């Protein structure tokens, strides 16, 4: 499964939503590769 979370407006919570979906997928036994194309957010800081 491939999910893309995107939008134009900054500060809308896209990275938070993506991180929470990734956590849920891993909790359900799935594998996740989380990539952020914008340099302002680092998933390791969430």
PDB file of N, CA and C in Angstrom:
ATOM      1  N   UNK A   1       0.832  -1.164   0.000  1.00  0.00           N
ATOM      2  CA  UNK A   1       0.000   0.000   0.000  1.00  0.00           C
ATOM      3  C   UNK A   1       0.885   1.238   0.000  1.00  0.00           C
ATOM      4  N   UNK A   2       0.532   2.204  -0.808  1.00  0.00           N
ATOM      5  CA  UNK A   2       1.256   3.471  -0.848  1.00  0.00           C
ATOM      6  C   UNK A   2       0.269   4.576  -0.506  1.00  0.00           C
ATOM      7  N   UNK A   3       0.619   5.372   0.506  1.00  0.00           N
ATOM      8  CA  UNK A   3      -0.188   6.525   0.893  1.00  0.00           C
ATOM      9  C   UNK A   3       0.641   7.776   0.697  1.00  0.00           C
ATOM     10  N   UNK A   4       0.027   8.804   0.147  1.00  0.00           N
ATOM     11  CA  UNK A   4       0.681  10.100  -0.010  1.00  0.00           C
ATOM     12  C   UNK A   4      -0.151  11.125   0.741  1.00  0.00           C
ATOM     13  N   UNK A   5       0.482  11.838   1.654  1.00  0.00           N
ATOM     14  CA  UNK A   5      -0.171  12.909   2.395  1.00  0.00           C
ATOM     15  C   UNK A   5       0.430  14.203   1.864  1.00  0.00           C
ATOM     16  N   UNK A   6      -0.397  15.045   1.278  1.00  0.00           N
ATOM     17  CA  UNK A   6       0.147  16.267   0.690  1.00  0.00           C
ATOM     18  C   UNK A   6      -0.821  17.422   0.769  1.00  0.00           C
ATOM     19  N   UNK A   7      -0.315  18.566   0.478  1.00  0.00           N
ATOM     20  CA  UNK A   7      -1.106  19.790   0.466  1.00  0.00           C
ATOM     21  C   UNK A   7      -0.195  20.979   0.274  1.00  0.00           C
ATOM     22  N   UNK A   8      -0.783  22.125   0.079  1.00  0.00           N
ATOM     23  CA  UNK A   8      -0.006  23.334  -0.191  1.00  0.00           C
ATOM     24  C   UNK A   8       0.288  24.108   1.084  1.00  0.00           C
ATOM     25  N   UNK A   9      -0.692  24.206   1.974  1.00  0.00           N
ATOM     26  CA  UNK A   9      -0.564  25.036   3.152  1.00  0.00           C
ATOM     27  C   UNK A   9       0.396  24.423   4.172  1.00  0.00           C
ATOM     28  N   UNK A  10       1.286  25.222   4.663  1.00  0.00           N
ATOM     29  CA  UNK A  10       2.188  24.781   5.722  1.00  0.00           C
ATOM     30  C   UNK A  10       1.489  24.835   7.069  1.00  0.00           C
ATOM     31  N   UNK A  11       1.906  24.007   7.997  1.00  0.00           N
ATOM     32  CA  UNK A  11       1.347  24.028   9.338  1.00  0.00           C
ATOM     33  C   UNK A  11      -0.017  23.392   9.467  1.00  0.00           C
ATOM     34  N   UNK A  12      -0.410  22.594   8.478  1.00  0.00           N
ATOM     35  CA  UNK A  12      -1.736  21.978   8.500  1.00  0.00           C
ATOM     36  C   UNK A  12      -1.742  20.605   9.180  1.00  0.00           C
ATOM     37  N   UNK A  13      -0.582  20.116   9.600  1.00  0.00           N
ATOM     38  CA  UNK A  13      -0.515  18.844  10.313  1.00  0.00           C
ATOM     39  C   UNK A  13      -0.253  17.632   9.435  1.00  0.00           C
ATOM     40  N   UNK A  14       0.237  17.835   8.222  1.00  0.00           N
ATOM     41  CA  UNK A  14       0.476  16.714   7.300  1.00  0.00           C
ATOM     42  C   UNK A  14       1.505  15.734   7.851  1.00  0.00           C
ATOM     43  N   UNK A  15       2.579  16.238   8.398  1.00  0.00           N
ATOM     44  CA  UNK A  15       3.624  15.357   8.937  1.00  0.00           C
ATOM     45  C   UNK A  15       3.117  14.590  10.149  1.00  0.00           C
ATOM     46  N   UNK A  16       2.320  15.235  10.984  1.00  0.00           N
ATOM     47  CA  UNK A  16       1.759  14.566  12.155  1.00  0.00           C
ATOM     48  C   UNK A  16       0.808  13.456  11.741  1.00  0.00           C
ATOM     49  N   UNK A  17      -0.040  13.733  10.757  1.00  0.00           N
ATOM     50  CA  UNK A  17      -0.966  12.718  10.252  1.00  0.00           C
ATOM     51  C   UNK A  17      -0.183  11.542   9.672  1.00  0.00           C
ATOM     52  N   UNK A  18       0.834  11.831   8.873  1.00  0.00           N
ATOM     53  CA  UNK A  18       1.639  10.770   8.258  1.00  0.00           C
ATOM     54  C   UNK A  18       2.324   9.926   9.326  1.00  0.00           C
ATOM     55  N   UNK A  19       2.887  10.577  10.338  1.00  0.00           N
ATOM     56  CA  UNK A  19       3.569   9.836  11.408  1.00  0.00           C
ATOM     57  C   UNK A  19       2.585   8.969  12.177  1.00  0.00           C
ATOM     58  N   UNK A  20       1.399   9.493  12.474  1.00  0.00           N
ATOM     59  CA  UNK A  20       0.404   8.713  13.218  1.00  0.00           C
ATOM     60  C   UNK A  20      -0.095   7.523  12.405  1.00  0.00           C
ATOM     61  N   UNK A  21      -0.291   7.690  11.112  1.00  0.00           N
ATOM     62  CA  UNK A  21      -0.684   6.567  10.261  1.00  0.00           C
ATOM     63  C   UNK A  21       0.406   5.503  10.225  1.00  0.00           C
ATOM     64  N   UNK A  22       1.664   5.945  10.189  1.00  0.00           N
ATOM     65  CA  UNK A  22       2.783   5.004  10.178  1.00  0.00           C
ATOM     66  C   UNK A  22       2.845   4.215  11.482  1.00  0.00           C
ATOM     67  N   UNK A  23       2.653   4.896  12.594  1.00  0.00           N
ATOM     68  CA  UNK A  23       2.673   4.217  13.902  1.00  0.00           C
ATOM     69  C   UNK A  23       1.566   3.177  13.961  1.00  0.00           C
ATOM     70  N   UNK A  24       0.389   3.522  13.491  1.00  0.00           N
ATOM     71  CA  UNK A  24      -0.736   2.582  13.512  1.00  0.00           C
ATOM     72  C   UNK A  24      -0.452   1.369  12.634  1.00  0.00           C
ATOM     73  N   UNK A  25       0.124   1.610  11.460  1.00  0.00           N
ATOM     74  CA  UNK A  25       0.438   0.510  10.540  1.00  0.00           C
ATOM     75  C   UNK A  25       1.440  -0.450  11.174  1.00  0.00           C
ATOM     76  N   UNK A  26       2.464   0.073  11.815  1.00  0.00           N
ATOM     77  CA  UNK A  26       3.459  -0.767  12.487  1.00  0.00           C
ATOM     78  C   UNK A  26       2.815  -1.524  13.643  1.00  0.00           C
ATOM     79  N   UNK A  27       1.939  -0.858  14.387  1.00  0.00           N
ATOM     80  CA  UNK A  27       1.256  -1.516  15.508  1.00  0.00           C
ATOM     81  C   UNK A  27       0.392  -2.678  15.025  1.00  0.00           C
ATOM     82  N   UNK A  28      -0.104  -2.582  13.797  1.00  0.00           N
ATOM     83  CA  UNK A  28      -0.911  -3.659  13.218  1.00  0.00           C
ATOM     84  C   UNK A  28      -0.057  -4.725  12.540  1.00  0.00           C
ATOM     85  N   UNK A  29       1.274  -4.608  12.663  1.00  0.00           N
ATOM     86  CA  UNK A  29       2.175  -5.617  12.121  1.00  0.00           C
ATOM     87  C   UNK A  29       2.697  -5.325  10.728  1.00  0.00           C
ATOM     88  N   UNK A  30       2.418  -4.152  10.204  1.00  0.00           N
ATOM     89  CA  UNK A  30       2.880  -3.794   8.862  1.00  0.00           C
ATOM     90  C   UNK A  30       4.273  -3.191   8.870  1.00  0.00           C
ATOM     91  N   UNK A  31       4.813  -3.048   7.683  1.00  0.00           N
ATOM     92  CA  UNK A  31       6.111  -2.386   7.525  1.00  0.00           C
ATOM     93  C   UNK A  31       5.875  -1.000   6.954  1.00  0.00           C
ATOM     94  N   UNK A  32       6.749  -0.062   7.315  1.00  0.00           N
ATOM     95  CA  UNK A  32       6.564   1.330   6.912  1.00  0.00           C
ATOM     96  C   UNK A  32       7.889   1.931   6.491  1.00  0.00           C
ATOM     97  N   UNK A  33       7.860   2.666   5.402  1.00  0.00           N
ATOM     98  CA  UNK A  33       8.963   3.542   5.014  1.00  0.00           C
ATOM     99  C   UNK A  33       8.358   4.927   4.948  1.00  0.00           C
ATOM    100  N   UNK A  34       8.780   5.801   5.833  1.00  0.00           N
ATOM    101  CA  UNK A  34       8.220   7.139   5.940  1.00  0.00           C
ATOM    102  C   UNK A  34       9.226   8.132   5.375  1.00  0.00           C
ATOM    103  N   UNK A  35       8.819   8.878   4.348  1.00  0.00           N
ATOM    104  CA  UNK A  35       9.702   9.834   3.684  1.00  0.00           C
ATOM    105  C   UNK A  35       9.036  11.198   3.705  1.00  0.00           C
ATOM    106  N   UNK A  36       9.768  12.202   4.135  1.00  0.00           N
ATOM    107  CA  UNK A  36       9.269  13.576   4.126  1.00  0.00           C
ATOM    108  C   UNK A  36      10.056  14.347   3.076  1.00  0.00           C
ATOM    109  N   UNK A  37       9.359  14.852   2.076  1.00  0.00           N
ATOM    110  CA  UNK A  37      10.015  15.568   0.980  1.00  0.00           C
ATOM    111  C   UNK A  37      10.336  17.010   1.301  1.00  0.00           C
ATOM    112  N   UNK A  38       9.866  17.492   2.430  1.00  0.00           N
ATOM    113  CA  UNK A  38      10.131  18.868   2.811  1.00  0.00           C
ATOM    114  C   UNK A  38      11.140  18.880   3.945  1.00  0.00           C
ATOM    115  N   UNK A  39      12.104  19.749   3.889  1.00  0.00           N
ATOM    116  CA  UNK A  39      13.182  19.759   4.870  1.00  0.00           C
ATOM    117  C   UNK A  39      12.839  20.353   6.219  1.00  0.00           C
ATOM    118  N   UNK A  40      11.676  20.992   6.369  1.00  0.00           N
ATOM    119  CA  UNK A  40      11.352  21.685   7.618  1.00  0.00           C
ATOM    120  C   UNK A  40      11.000  20.721   8.755  1.00  0.00           C
ATOM    121  N   UNK A  41      10.547  19.519   8.434  1.00  0.00           N
ATOM    122  CA  UNK A  41      10.137  18.565   9.460  1.00  0.00           C
ATOM    123  C   UNK A  41      11.025  17.335   9.411  1.00  0.00           C
ATOM    124  N   UNK A  42      11.400  16.870  10.578  1.00  0.00           N
ATOM    125  CA  UNK A  42      12.121  15.600  10.682  1.00  0.00           C
ATOM    126  C   UNK A  42      11.257  14.662  11.499  1.00  0.00           C
ATOM    127  N   UNK A  43      10.923  13.512  10.927  1.00  0.00           N
ATOM    128  CA  UNK A  43      10.056  12.579  11.628  1.00  0.00           C
ATOM    129  C   UNK A  43      10.694  12.092  12.918  1.00  0.00           C
ATOM    130  N   UNK A  44      12.006  12.110  12.994  1.00  0.00           N
ATOM    131  CA  UNK A  44      12.665  11.667  14.219  1.00  0.00           C
ATOM    132  C   UNK A  44      12.413  12.633  15.376  1.00  0.00           C
ATOM    133  N   UNK A  45      11.950  13.839  15.082  1.00  0.00           N
ATOM    134  CA  UNK A  45      11.675  14.833  16.127  1.00  0.00           C
ATOM    135  C   UNK A  45      10.228  14.770  16.612  1.00  0.00           C
ATOM    136  N   UNK A  46       9.363  14.009  15.932  1.00  0.00           N
ATOM    137  CA  UNK A  46       7.959  13.955  16.334  1.00  0.00           C
ATOM    138  C   UNK A  46       7.758  13.004  17.495  1.00  0.00           C
TER     139      UNK A  46
END
